[in-house]
Protein backbone atom coordinates (compact mmCIF):
# COMPACT_ATOMS: atom_id res chain seq x y z
CA MET A 1 -23.78 18.82 24.07
CA SER A 2 -21.06 17.15 26.18
CA LEU A 3 -20.77 14.35 23.73
CA ILE A 4 -19.92 16.91 20.95
CA PHE A 5 -17.41 18.64 23.19
CA ASN A 6 -15.80 15.28 23.98
CA LEU A 7 -15.78 14.16 20.48
CA LEU A 8 -14.12 17.72 19.56
CA ILE A 9 -11.41 17.14 22.24
CA LEU A 10 -10.71 13.63 20.95
CA LEU A 11 -10.48 14.88 17.45
CA LEU A 12 -7.95 17.74 18.29
CA ALA A 13 -5.97 15.23 20.46
CA THR A 14 -5.64 12.73 17.78
CA THR A 15 -4.75 15.16 15.14
CA GLY A 16 -2.39 16.90 17.40
CA ILE A 17 -0.60 13.66 18.13
CA PHE A 18 -0.24 12.98 14.47
CA VAL A 19 0.89 16.48 13.72
CA LEU A 20 3.47 16.41 16.47
CA LEU A 21 4.79 12.97 15.43
CA SER A 22 5.11 13.79 11.76
CA TYR A 23 6.90 17.19 12.60
CA THR A 24 9.21 15.32 15.03
CA ILE A 25 10.22 13.09 12.01
CA ALA A 26 10.49 16.25 9.61
CA TRP A 27 12.66 17.94 12.27
CA TYR A 28 15.05 14.90 12.58
CA GLU A 29 15.48 14.83 8.83
CA THR A 30 16.10 18.52 8.62
CA ALA A 31 18.39 18.71 11.54
CA ASN A 32 20.56 15.78 10.09
CA ARG A 33 20.85 17.60 6.73
CA ASP A 34 21.60 21.00 8.54
CA PRO A 35 23.13 20.35 11.90
CA ALA A 36 23.51 24.07 12.58
CA GLN A 37 19.79 24.29 13.38
CA VAL A 38 20.31 22.26 16.42
CA GLU A 39 22.20 25.14 18.10
CA THR A 40 18.95 27.54 17.82
CA ARG A 41 16.16 24.85 18.40
CA PHE A 42 15.36 26.08 21.98
CA SER A 43 15.54 29.83 21.22
CA PRO A 44 12.16 31.69 22.17
CA SER A 45 11.46 32.73 18.56
CA ARG A 46 11.97 29.14 17.33
CA LEU A 47 9.83 27.67 19.95
CA MET A 48 7.09 30.27 19.29
CA PHE A 49 7.28 29.53 15.73
CA ALA A 50 7.02 25.82 16.16
CA LEU A 51 4.16 26.08 18.49
CA GLY A 52 2.28 28.24 15.86
CA LEU A 53 3.09 25.81 13.19
CA LEU A 54 1.78 22.78 15.24
CA ALA A 55 -1.36 24.56 16.22
CA ARG A 56 -2.24 25.77 12.60
CA GLU A 57 -1.51 22.46 11.19
CA THR A 58 -3.56 20.59 14.02
CA LEU A 59 -6.58 22.73 13.29
CA SER A 60 -6.27 22.30 9.44
CA LEU A 61 -5.95 18.60 9.76
CA ALA A 62 -8.98 18.55 12.24
CA LEU A 63 -10.94 20.49 9.75
CA THR A 64 -10.50 18.00 7.00
CA VAL A 65 -11.40 15.15 9.29
CA ALA A 66 -14.42 16.83 10.62
CA ALA A 67 -15.56 17.73 7.02
CA HIS A 68 -14.86 14.18 5.58
CA PRO A 69 -18.34 13.06 5.90
CA PHE A 70 -19.93 15.67 3.94
CA GLY A 71 -17.48 14.65 0.96
CA TRP A 72 -19.69 11.60 0.55
CA LEU A 73 -22.66 13.62 -0.29
CA PRO A 74 -23.50 14.02 -4.11
CA GLU A 75 -21.70 16.95 -5.64
CA GLY A 76 -24.10 19.86 -6.13
CA ALA A 77 -25.21 21.31 -9.41
CA VAL A 78 -22.36 22.90 -11.55
CA GLY A 79 -23.27 25.69 -13.56
CA ARG A 80 -22.22 26.50 -17.17
CA ALA A 81 -18.76 27.67 -17.96
CA GLN A 82 -17.73 31.18 -17.12
CA GLY A 83 -14.07 30.36 -17.90
CA ARG A 84 -12.27 26.95 -18.36
CA PRO A 85 -13.45 24.28 -15.95
CA ILE A 86 -11.45 23.28 -13.03
CA LEU A 87 -11.00 19.75 -11.65
CA LEU A 88 -9.70 19.42 -8.04
CA LEU A 89 -7.97 16.15 -7.03
CA HIS A 90 -7.48 15.41 -3.41
CA GLY A 91 -4.61 13.50 -1.68
CA LEU A 92 -4.21 10.35 0.50
CA PHE A 93 -6.77 9.68 3.07
CA HIS A 94 -8.94 12.85 2.13
CA ASN A 95 -11.98 13.01 0.03
CA ARG A 96 -13.47 16.26 -2.07
CA SER A 97 -14.62 17.68 1.26
CA CYS A 98 -11.06 18.96 1.93
CA TRP A 99 -11.42 21.61 -0.86
CA TRP A 100 -14.41 23.23 0.46
CA LEU A 101 -12.69 26.51 1.21
CA LEU A 102 -10.45 26.79 -1.69
CA LYS A 103 -13.38 26.00 -3.95
CA ARG A 104 -15.43 28.77 -2.30
CA ARG A 105 -12.74 31.20 -2.78
CA LEU A 106 -12.08 30.38 -6.43
CA GLN A 107 -16.02 30.49 -7.12
CA ALA A 108 -16.10 33.99 -5.35
CA ALA A 109 -13.29 35.15 -7.69
CA GLY A 110 -15.41 34.22 -10.77
CA LEU A 111 -13.39 31.20 -11.77
CA GLY A 112 -14.84 27.91 -12.85
CA PRO A 113 -17.03 26.10 -13.02
CA ILE A 114 -15.37 23.74 -10.35
CA TYR A 115 -15.64 19.96 -10.23
CA THR A 116 -14.54 17.81 -7.40
CA LEU A 117 -14.05 13.98 -7.26
CA ASN A 118 -13.66 11.33 -4.85
CA LEU A 119 -10.66 8.82 -5.13
CA ASN A 120 -10.34 5.61 -3.19
CA THR A 121 -6.75 6.10 -2.01
CA TRP A 122 -6.93 2.77 -0.30
CA ARG A 123 -6.13 0.93 -3.80
CA SER A 124 -2.81 -0.65 -4.37
CA ASP A 125 -2.40 1.11 -7.70
CA ILE A 126 -2.58 4.55 -8.99
CA GLU A 127 -3.90 3.60 -12.56
CA PRO A 128 -7.53 3.15 -11.56
CA LEU A 129 -7.54 6.47 -10.01
CA THR A 130 -6.00 7.99 -13.08
CA GLU A 131 -8.59 6.40 -15.05
CA LEU A 132 -11.45 7.85 -12.86
CA ALA A 133 -10.02 11.40 -13.12
CA ALA A 134 -9.79 10.85 -16.92
CA GLY A 135 -13.31 9.70 -17.14
CA LYS A 136 -14.33 12.83 -15.13
CA ILE A 137 -12.61 15.07 -17.31
CA ASP A 138 -14.37 13.75 -20.40
CA GLN A 139 -17.64 14.21 -18.57
CA ILE A 140 -16.76 17.85 -17.80
CA ARG A 141 -15.94 18.38 -21.37
CA ARG A 142 -19.21 17.05 -22.65
CA GLU A 143 -21.27 19.11 -20.22
CA GLN A 144 -19.44 22.29 -20.62
CA GLY A 145 -18.71 21.90 -24.40
CA VAL A 146 -15.03 22.74 -23.97
CA GLU A 147 -11.77 21.09 -25.17
CA GLN A 148 -9.58 21.48 -22.11
CA VAL A 149 -9.89 21.77 -18.26
CA ASP A 150 -7.39 22.97 -15.61
CA LEU A 151 -6.27 20.37 -12.85
CA ILE A 152 -5.36 21.15 -9.38
CA GLY A 153 -4.11 18.46 -7.17
CA HIS A 154 -3.13 18.46 -3.39
CA SER A 155 -0.28 15.84 -2.51
CA MET A 156 -1.27 12.57 -3.97
CA GLY A 157 -3.55 14.25 -6.33
CA GLY A 158 -0.88 16.15 -8.22
CA MET A 159 0.72 12.88 -8.87
CA ILE A 160 -2.57 11.67 -10.43
CA ALA A 161 -2.63 14.86 -12.72
CA ARG A 162 0.99 14.12 -13.91
CA ASN A 163 0.27 10.54 -14.53
CA LEU A 164 -2.66 11.46 -16.60
CA VAL A 165 -0.99 14.06 -18.62
CA GLN A 166 2.38 12.56 -18.96
CA LEU A 167 1.75 8.77 -19.20
CA ARG A 168 -1.85 8.37 -20.01
CA GLY A 169 -2.38 10.67 -23.00
CA GLY A 170 -4.50 13.23 -21.33
CA ALA A 171 -2.22 16.10 -22.56
CA ASP A 172 -4.69 17.44 -25.20
CA LYS A 173 -7.58 17.65 -22.70
CA VAL A 174 -5.56 19.66 -19.98
CA CYS A 175 -4.23 23.32 -20.04
CA ARG A 176 -2.63 23.54 -16.60
CA VAL A 177 -1.59 21.39 -13.75
CA ILE A 178 -1.27 23.12 -10.36
CA CYS A 179 0.39 20.78 -7.76
CA ILE A 180 0.03 21.70 -4.11
CA ALA A 181 2.45 19.94 -1.66
CA THR A 182 2.94 17.24 -4.12
CA PRO A 183 5.85 14.86 -3.30
CA HIS A 184 7.36 14.71 -6.84
CA GLN A 185 10.45 12.94 -5.70
CA GLY A 186 8.58 10.97 -3.12
CA SER A 187 8.44 11.30 0.92
CA ARG A 188 10.49 9.47 3.36
CA LEU A 189 7.38 9.47 5.50
CA ALA A 190 5.56 7.22 2.70
CA PRO A 191 6.65 3.83 4.35
CA PHE A 192 4.43 5.01 7.38
CA ALA A 193 1.25 5.23 5.49
CA MET A 194 -1.40 2.57 5.95
CA THR A 195 -2.35 2.17 2.31
CA PRO A 196 -0.61 0.14 -0.27
CA LEU A 197 -0.95 3.22 -2.72
CA ALA A 198 1.81 4.99 -0.61
CA ARG A 199 4.35 2.66 -2.11
CA THR A 200 4.26 4.65 -5.20
CA LEU A 201 5.39 7.71 -3.14
CA MET A 202 8.42 6.37 -1.66
CA PRO A 203 11.67 7.89 -3.01
CA ASP A 204 12.98 6.15 -6.28
CA SER A 205 9.96 4.10 -6.51
CA THR A 206 9.31 2.52 -10.10
CA PHE A 207 6.31 4.81 -10.55
CA LEU A 208 8.28 8.02 -9.67
CA GLN A 209 11.28 7.04 -11.85
CA ARG A 210 8.84 6.45 -14.92
CA LEU A 211 7.20 9.73 -14.32
CA ALA A 212 10.43 11.61 -13.71
CA THR A 213 11.77 10.29 -17.31
CA ALA A 214 8.53 10.73 -19.09
CA GLU A 215 8.51 13.79 -21.35
CA ARG A 216 6.26 16.64 -20.11
CA PRO A 217 4.03 18.02 -22.85
CA LYS A 218 5.05 21.45 -23.95
CA ASP A 219 1.32 22.58 -24.49
CA VAL A 220 0.53 21.87 -20.71
CA GLN A 221 1.70 24.39 -18.17
CA PHE A 222 2.97 22.76 -14.79
CA PHE A 223 3.23 24.79 -11.59
CA SER A 224 4.09 23.62 -7.97
CA ILE A 225 3.11 25.25 -4.84
CA TYR A 226 4.92 24.24 -1.58
CA THR A 227 5.88 25.13 1.92
CA ARG A 228 9.27 24.70 3.59
CA HIS A 229 7.46 23.67 6.60
CA ASP A 230 5.78 20.62 5.19
CA ASN A 231 5.41 17.79 7.81
CA LEU A 232 4.53 15.03 5.38
CA VAL A 233 6.53 15.72 2.16
CA ILE A 234 10.17 15.10 3.36
CA PRO A 235 12.39 16.55 2.26
CA THR A 236 10.37 19.54 1.45
CA GLU A 237 12.43 20.05 -1.94
CA SER A 238 10.43 17.01 -3.11
CA ALA A 239 7.52 19.24 -3.55
CA ILE A 240 9.40 21.32 -6.17
CA LEU A 241 8.80 20.26 -9.81
CA GLU A 242 11.76 20.59 -11.73
CA ASN A 243 11.89 23.00 -14.83
CA ALA A 244 8.39 24.37 -13.72
CA PRO A 245 7.57 27.64 -11.82
CA ALA A 246 7.55 26.85 -8.13
CA ILE A 247 5.91 29.06 -5.43
CA GLU A 248 6.98 28.81 -1.85
CA VAL A 249 4.42 29.48 0.91
CA SER A 250 6.07 29.42 4.30
CA GLY A 251 4.99 29.20 7.78
CA ILE A 252 2.27 26.43 7.30
CA GLY A 253 2.16 22.65 6.84
CA HIS A 254 0.76 20.27 4.59
CA SER A 255 -2.94 20.19 5.43
CA CYS A 256 -2.72 24.06 6.08
CA LEU A 257 -2.05 24.80 2.40
CA LEU A 258 -5.65 23.71 1.56
CA PHE A 259 -7.01 26.53 3.81
CA SER A 260 -4.46 29.19 3.05
CA ARG A 261 -5.50 32.63 1.46
CA ARG A 262 -2.08 32.99 0.15
CA VAL A 263 -2.33 29.64 -1.70
CA ALA A 264 -5.70 30.72 -3.00
CA ASP A 265 -4.40 33.98 -4.25
CA HIS A 266 -1.40 32.11 -5.80
CA VAL A 267 -3.83 29.64 -7.59
CA GLU A 268 -6.06 32.40 -8.77
CA LYS A 269 -3.32 34.43 -10.30
CA ILE A 270 -2.03 31.25 -12.16
CA LEU A 271 -5.65 30.67 -13.50
CA ARG A 272 -5.98 34.15 -14.64
CA THR A 273 -2.69 34.28 -16.69
CA GLU A 274 -2.87 33.91 -20.33
CA ASP A 275 -2.72 30.72 -22.21
CA ARG A 276 0.60 30.10 -23.98
């Protein structure tokens, strides 16, 4: 019992340090862009908000780390289509286990069937991951006897979805792309990531420039869900996809979006809208 307790403390301490460091960098960037915020940084309301933000993001990140081993278990049986199938694409350093709560909420709402996929984000190139997602989509279409799926991507997962639809000829197989906390214009924190794949997420990278200039298929609907208090997508405006509906969810961080009821409600509403 003491071993489990010690591991839990270690997990919370490690994730807490990471969250604190990332928010410190995020605050530095924000304060330099808006110096007026420095004047109120130590007000009681600001301090209480910051503490709550740190606590929620630490707990959310700790949950994703604790759930990580379960992501390597085989995906459970997926039933026949009730509606359009949904494929969830995770971000850097996660696996499909990070979707457990959102997946459960969408299933309870009668949406799906819902599929997940493990992506090896330690690769140096986004193209093999895009090919893996494309193969999964073809498998889903065969199994369910449908023409199209909906894609939901968190962080890097949203970039994989866009790459597949905009540059890899997958537009006819996808109806909607919902990007959650996706750094469409890159993130200034990307250079700190320990995987070569993070180079594609550096602002003005060759990949991002190519994606930004690529035509967005008119028959595919794009959405972005983001938070003004993202500790990993810096600046936060980078998570807004230009010329697409954008939904802001404030008061939570990057990992917390995966567990947010507000995010789940927005995703459900998007998935229930009529096709164009």
